[in-house]
Protein backbone atom coordinates (compact mmCIF):
# COMPACT_ATOMS: atom_id res chain seq x y z
CA MET A 1 0.11 0.06 0.14
CA LEU A 2 1.21 3.43 -1.05
CA SER A 3 0.73 4.98 2.66
CA THR A 4 3.43 7.83 2.37
CA PRO A 5 2.50 11.12 0.77
CA MET A 6 5.86 11.06 -1.39
CA SER A 7 5.33 7.52 -2.53
CA TYR A 8 1.72 8.33 -3.29
CA LEU A 9 2.35 11.28 -5.37
CA ALA A 10 5.25 9.60 -7.09
CA HIS A 11 2.90 6.71 -8.13
CA ARG A 12 0.22 9.16 -9.18
CA GLY A 13 2.87 10.87 -11.54
CA VAL A 14 2.55 14.27 -9.69
CA SER A 15 5.51 16.32 -10.36
CA PRO A 16 7.66 18.39 -8.01
CA ASP A 17 6.73 21.56 -9.81
CA ALA A 18 3.05 20.67 -9.24
CA MET A 19 3.72 19.99 -5.45
CA ILE A 20 5.41 23.39 -5.02
CA ARG A 21 3.04 25.72 -7.33
CA PHE A 22 -0.17 24.30 -5.47
CA ASP A 23 1.61 24.11 -1.84
CA LEU A 24 0.53 20.48 -1.34
CA GLY A 25 1.14 19.30 2.21
CA TYR A 26 0.33 16.51 4.43
CA ASP A 27 -1.68 16.24 7.76
CA SER A 28 -0.39 13.14 9.53
CA ASP A 29 -3.44 13.00 12.01
CA ALA A 30 -5.85 12.99 8.98
CA ARG A 31 -3.64 10.61 6.99
CA ALA A 32 -4.25 13.14 4.03
CA LEU A 33 -2.77 15.30 1.68
CA THR A 34 -3.65 18.98 1.93
CA ILE A 35 -4.78 21.03 -0.74
CA PRO A 36 -5.41 24.67 -0.20
CA ALA A 37 -8.52 26.37 -1.67
CA VAL A 38 -7.42 29.70 -3.01
CA ARG A 39 -10.06 32.15 -4.15
CA SER A 40 -9.17 35.58 -5.54
CA GLY A 41 -5.26 35.14 -4.12
CA ILE A 42 -6.65 34.23 -0.55
CA GLN A 43 -6.72 30.92 0.96
CA VAL A 44 -10.38 30.16 1.96
CA GLY A 45 -9.80 26.58 3.11
CA THR A 46 -8.18 23.28 2.81
CA LEU A 47 -9.43 20.16 0.99
CA TYR A 48 -8.10 16.79 2.45
CA HIS A 49 -7.29 14.06 -0.06
CA TYR A 50 -7.10 10.73 1.66
CA LEU A 51 -4.37 8.27 0.72
CA ALA A 52 -6.34 5.23 1.63
CA PRO A 53 -9.81 6.34 2.65
CA ALA A 54 -11.80 3.50 4.52
CA ASP A 55 -15.11 4.75 3.34
CA GLY A 56 -14.37 5.24 -0.29
CA CYS A 57 -14.40 8.81 0.21
CA TRP A 58 -11.12 10.31 -1.48
CA TYR A 59 -12.02 13.95 -0.77
CA ARG A 60 -13.46 16.11 2.21
CA TRP A 61 -13.20 19.81 3.28
CA LYS A 62 -11.48 20.62 6.50
CA PRO A 63 -14.08 22.01 8.95
CA GLY A 64 -14.29 25.72 8.58
CA SER A 65 -13.36 25.52 4.74
CA LEU A 66 -15.38 27.60 2.25
CA PRO A 67 -15.45 24.95 -0.81
CA TRP A 68 -14.01 26.24 -3.87
CA LEU A 69 -12.61 24.96 -7.33
CA PHE A 70 -9.15 23.78 -7.44
CA ASN A 71 -7.01 26.43 -9.44
CA GLY A 72 -10.21 28.36 -9.93
CA ASP A 73 -8.11 31.84 -9.70
CA ALA A 74 -6.16 30.61 -12.96
CA ILE A 75 -9.42 29.82 -14.99
CA THR A 76 -10.62 33.49 -14.70
CA HIS A 77 -7.20 35.15 -15.69
CA PRO A 78 -7.19 37.04 -19.17
CA SER A 79 -4.57 34.69 -20.48
CA THR A 80 -6.58 31.37 -20.07
CA GLY A 81 -8.90 30.82 -23.18
CA ILE A 82 -9.56 27.21 -22.40
CA ALA A 83 -10.43 25.52 -19.23
CA VAL A 84 -10.10 21.88 -18.57
CA ILE A 85 -12.46 20.64 -15.73
CA THR A 86 -11.65 17.26 -14.18
CA LYS A 87 -13.15 15.20 -11.64
CA GLY A 88 -10.60 15.31 -8.65
CA VAL A 89 -7.60 17.46 -7.95
CA MET A 90 -5.07 14.54 -8.92
CA ASP A 91 -6.87 14.50 -12.41
CA ALA A 92 -6.29 18.26 -12.54
CA LEU A 93 -2.74 18.05 -11.45
CA THR A 94 -2.31 15.56 -14.00
CA VAL A 95 -3.78 17.95 -16.74
CA TRP A 96 -1.52 20.85 -15.37
CA ASP A 97 1.58 18.80 -15.58
CA CYS A 98 0.87 17.49 -19.07
CA LEU A 99 -0.01 20.94 -20.57
CA GLY A 100 3.26 22.38 -19.83
CA ARG A 101 5.75 19.42 -19.10
CA VAL A 102 5.72 16.87 -21.79
CA GLY A 103 9.04 17.43 -23.86
CA GLU A 104 7.28 18.76 -26.92
CA PRO A 105 6.80 22.12 -28.10
CA LYS A 106 3.20 23.30 -26.93
CA SER A 107 0.78 24.26 -29.40
CA VAL A 108 -0.73 27.91 -29.33
CA LEU A 109 -3.96 25.94 -28.25
CA VAL A 110 -2.47 24.40 -25.34
CA SER A 111 -0.61 27.69 -24.23
CA GLN A 112 -4.06 28.97 -23.50
CA ALA A 113 -5.23 26.06 -21.52
CA GLU A 114 -5.52 25.65 -17.77
CA ALA A 115 -6.82 23.14 -15.66
CA CYS A 116 -9.10 23.11 -12.57
CA GLY A 117 -10.51 20.29 -10.47
CA LEU A 118 -13.69 19.81 -8.56
CA PRO A 119 -13.33 18.03 -4.93
CA GLY A 120 -14.70 14.82 -6.31
CA ALA A 121 -17.57 14.11 -8.92
CA TRP A 122 -20.17 15.69 -6.72
CA GLY A 123 -18.34 18.76 -6.24
CA TRP A 124 -19.89 20.86 -8.96
CA GLN A 125 -21.66 24.22 -7.93
CA SER A 126 -23.81 26.30 -9.99
CA ASP A 127 -21.89 29.49 -8.65
CA TYR A 128 -18.79 28.11 -10.58
CA ALA A 129 -20.24 28.59 -13.83
CA SER A 130 -19.66 32.24 -13.98
CA LEU A 131 -15.88 31.45 -13.81
CA PHE A 132 -16.17 30.17 -17.27
CA ALA A 133 -17.52 33.10 -18.86
CA GLY A 134 -15.78 33.83 -22.34
CA LYS A 135 -13.78 30.56 -21.97
CA ARG A 136 -13.77 27.16 -24.30
CA VAL A 137 -14.27 24.47 -21.83
CA VAL A 138 -13.33 20.91 -22.17
CA VAL A 139 -14.57 18.34 -19.48
CA LEU A 140 -12.82 14.88 -18.66
CA VAL A 141 -14.35 12.31 -16.56
CA ALA A 142 -13.88 8.66 -15.83
CA ASP A 143 -16.13 6.11 -17.30
CA ASP A 144 -18.24 5.34 -14.07
CA PHE A 145 -21.51 6.61 -12.64
CA ALA A 146 -19.81 9.49 -10.67
CA GLY A 147 -17.95 10.47 -13.92
CA ARG A 148 -21.31 10.68 -15.78
CA ALA A 149 -23.19 12.36 -13.04
CA MET A 150 -20.50 14.91 -13.00
CA LEU A 151 -21.06 15.41 -16.67
CA ALA A 152 -24.83 15.86 -16.38
CA ASN A 153 -24.45 18.35 -13.41
CA VAL A 154 -22.12 20.48 -15.62
CA SER A 155 -24.44 20.37 -18.44
CA LYS A 156 -27.04 21.94 -16.33
CA ASP A 157 -25.08 25.33 -15.94
CA LEU A 158 -22.87 25.22 -18.93
CA GLU A 159 -23.56 24.49 -22.81
CA GLY A 160 -21.23 24.30 -25.84
CA PHE A 161 -18.48 22.37 -24.02
CA SER A 162 -16.44 19.35 -25.33
CA SER A 163 -16.24 16.41 -23.29
CA ALA A 164 -14.44 12.88 -23.03
CA ILE A 165 -15.15 10.03 -21.09
CA MET A 166 -11.83 8.09 -20.35
CA PRO A 167 -11.78 4.62 -21.89
CA GLY A 168 -11.71 1.15 -19.99
CA GLY A 169 -12.77 2.60 -16.53
CA MET A 170 -9.85 4.86 -16.20
CA ASP A 171 -9.74 8.37 -14.70
CA VAL A 172 -7.56 11.20 -16.30
CA ASN A 173 -4.59 10.23 -14.11
CA ASP A 174 -4.81 6.64 -15.15
CA PHE A 175 -5.00 7.32 -18.78
CA ALA A 176 -1.94 9.51 -18.38
CA ARG A 177 0.20 6.80 -16.64
CA ALA A 178 -1.21 3.92 -19.24
CA ARG A 179 -1.05 5.83 -22.44
CA GLY A 180 1.48 8.73 -21.70
CA ARG A 181 0.90 12.37 -21.01
CA LEU A 182 1.48 13.54 -24.75
CA ASN A 183 -1.36 11.50 -25.73
CA LEU A 184 -3.59 13.20 -23.08
CA ARG A 185 -2.38 16.60 -24.41
CA ARG A 186 -3.44 15.71 -27.99
CA LEU A 187 -6.82 14.61 -26.46
CA ILE A 188 -7.28 18.05 -24.91
CA GLU A 189 -5.99 19.61 -28.10
CA ASP A 190 -8.61 17.66 -30.32
CA LEU A 191 -11.47 18.64 -27.67
CA ALA A 192 -10.55 22.05 -27.68
CA ASP A 193 -10.44 22.32 -31.47
CA ASP A 194 -14.23 20.81 -31.24
CA CYS A 195 -15.44 23.55 -29.16
CA SER A 196 -14.69 26.65 -31.32
CA GLU A 197 -16.82 29.11 -29.42
CA PRO A 198 -16.97 30.11 -25.65
CA VAL A 199 -19.54 28.11 -23.54
CA ARG A 200 -22.88 29.62 -22.75
CA ILE A 201 -23.99 29.97 -19.14
CA VAL A 202 -27.35 28.69 -18.49
CA SER A 203 -27.35 28.67 -14.46
CA PRO A 204 -30.19 30.43 -13.12
CA LEU A 205 -27.77 32.21 -11.01
CA ARG A 206 -26.74 34.17 -13.78
CA ALA A 207 -29.90 35.92 -14.21
CA ALA A 208 -30.40 36.63 -10.79
């Protein structure tokens, strides 16, 4: 069992750059990675990612946290033209790594992209929708009930995005480790090509 944080992150292929960039830590009492939730440059909470959850729940918010989208600040930056949404922070870290660290020159398309992650498949909130105004959006999910449910929830608030369900029961991180990060990057490029226009926000909160 991969029970230490460094062995776990190495197994999942998370780069040292990503660990530093997102200030990943470890809570030995909770036996969980700690992932800061940052909104408008201010930490508003801490997300626990359990290394070996006894109840099958990989993510929980530390008490007192205000839930927020992982890497949400980068999505709203003017230089970001394409947002890649994943189910889970590990998948978002995988996308973040593959967008800039594959050893092949980045396309103009990929240079405009940023990754963000929900705190699990059920983590989508309607008030996230406004973050994607003016952005082209790609959604990547696992081939399971939770992944399809996440896709349905995002569809309630955003229209006009491209999506892919990972093959063979894999999640995004599995896909990158099995087939290579370069193939994941190419998949993202193809999906971004498919959505040539920014998403349309259909959330009721937008009209409020």
